[in-house]
Amino acid sequence: MLSKPESSKCSDDTEQIVINLPCRLIERAQKYADEHGNSVTGVIIEALDALLGGRTTR
């Protein structure tokens, strides 16, 4: 896992990172995005936020 020194803070509301995801996962995210009028980026952001925030879909 990558980590930044504690003194490093984002100077903007967003920060770009590059991650490699399995093609099957991206295909599922794209299908979900298409069905819900969203982008793959939006789906990934929402999923990560839900996971880290403790929300579940069940």
Protein backbone atom coordinates (compact mmCIF):
# COMPACT_ATOMS: atom_id res chain seq x y z
CA MET A 1 0.00 0.00 0.00
CA LEU A 2 1.22 3.46 -0.82
CA SER A 3 1.31 6.05 1.88
CA LYS A 4 2.17 9.72 1.98
CA PRO A 5 3.97 11.55 4.71
CA GLU A 6 1.62 13.06 7.31
CA SER A 7 2.55 16.59 6.24
CA SER A 8 1.30 15.98 2.68
CA LYS A 9 -2.23 17.26 2.13
CA CYS A 10 -4.36 17.65 -0.97
CA SER A 11 -4.44 21.22 -2.19
CA ASP A 12 -7.66 20.55 -4.11
CA ASP A 13 -10.91 18.65 -3.54
CA THR A 14 -9.68 15.80 -5.72
CA GLU A 15 -6.45 13.95 -6.35
CA GLN A 16 -5.75 11.75 -9.32
CA ILE A 17 -4.52 8.22 -8.72
CA VAL A 18 -3.98 5.38 -11.17
CA ILE A 19 -5.05 1.86 -10.26
CA ASN A 20 -5.22 -1.28 -12.32
CA LEU A 21 -8.43 -3.26 -11.90
CA PRO A 22 -9.35 -6.65 -13.35
CA CYS A 23 -11.21 -6.39 -16.66
CA ARG A 24 -14.13 -8.39 -15.25
CA LEU A 25 -14.58 -5.81 -12.48
CA ILE A 26 -14.51 -2.92 -14.93
CA GLU A 27 -17.06 -4.70 -17.14
CA ARG A 28 -19.38 -5.08 -14.13
CA ALA A 29 -18.87 -1.43 -13.16
CA GLN A 30 -19.58 -0.32 -16.74
CA LYS A 31 -22.78 -2.39 -16.88
CA TYR A 32 -23.93 -0.93 -13.55
CA ALA A 33 -23.03 2.59 -14.68
CA ASP A 34 -24.98 2.19 -17.94
CA GLU A 35 -28.03 0.84 -16.09
CA HIS A 36 -28.00 3.70 -13.58
CA GLY A 37 -27.04 6.64 -15.81
CA ASN A 38 -23.62 7.03 -14.24
CA SER A 39 -19.98 6.84 -15.31
CA VAL A 40 -17.54 4.09 -14.35
CA THR A 41 -15.60 6.69 -12.37
CA GLY A 42 -18.76 7.64 -10.49
CA VAL A 43 -19.58 4.01 -9.73
CA ILE A 44 -16.07 3.33 -8.43
CA ILE A 45 -16.12 6.47 -6.26
CA GLU A 46 -19.54 5.58 -4.82
CA ALA A 47 -18.51 1.96 -4.18
CA LEU A 48 -15.28 2.96 -2.44
CA ASP A 49 -17.07 5.58 -0.37
CA ALA A 50 -19.74 3.05 0.65
CA LEU A 51 -17.13 0.46 1.58
CA LEU A 52 -14.98 2.83 3.61
CA GLY A 53 -18.00 4.51 5.17
CA GLY A 54 -19.40 1.22 6.41
CA ARG A 55 -22.57 1.34 4.32
CA THR A 56 -23.91 -1.89 2.86
CA THR A 57 -26.40 -2.66 0.12
CA ARG A 58 -28.06 -5.50 2.05
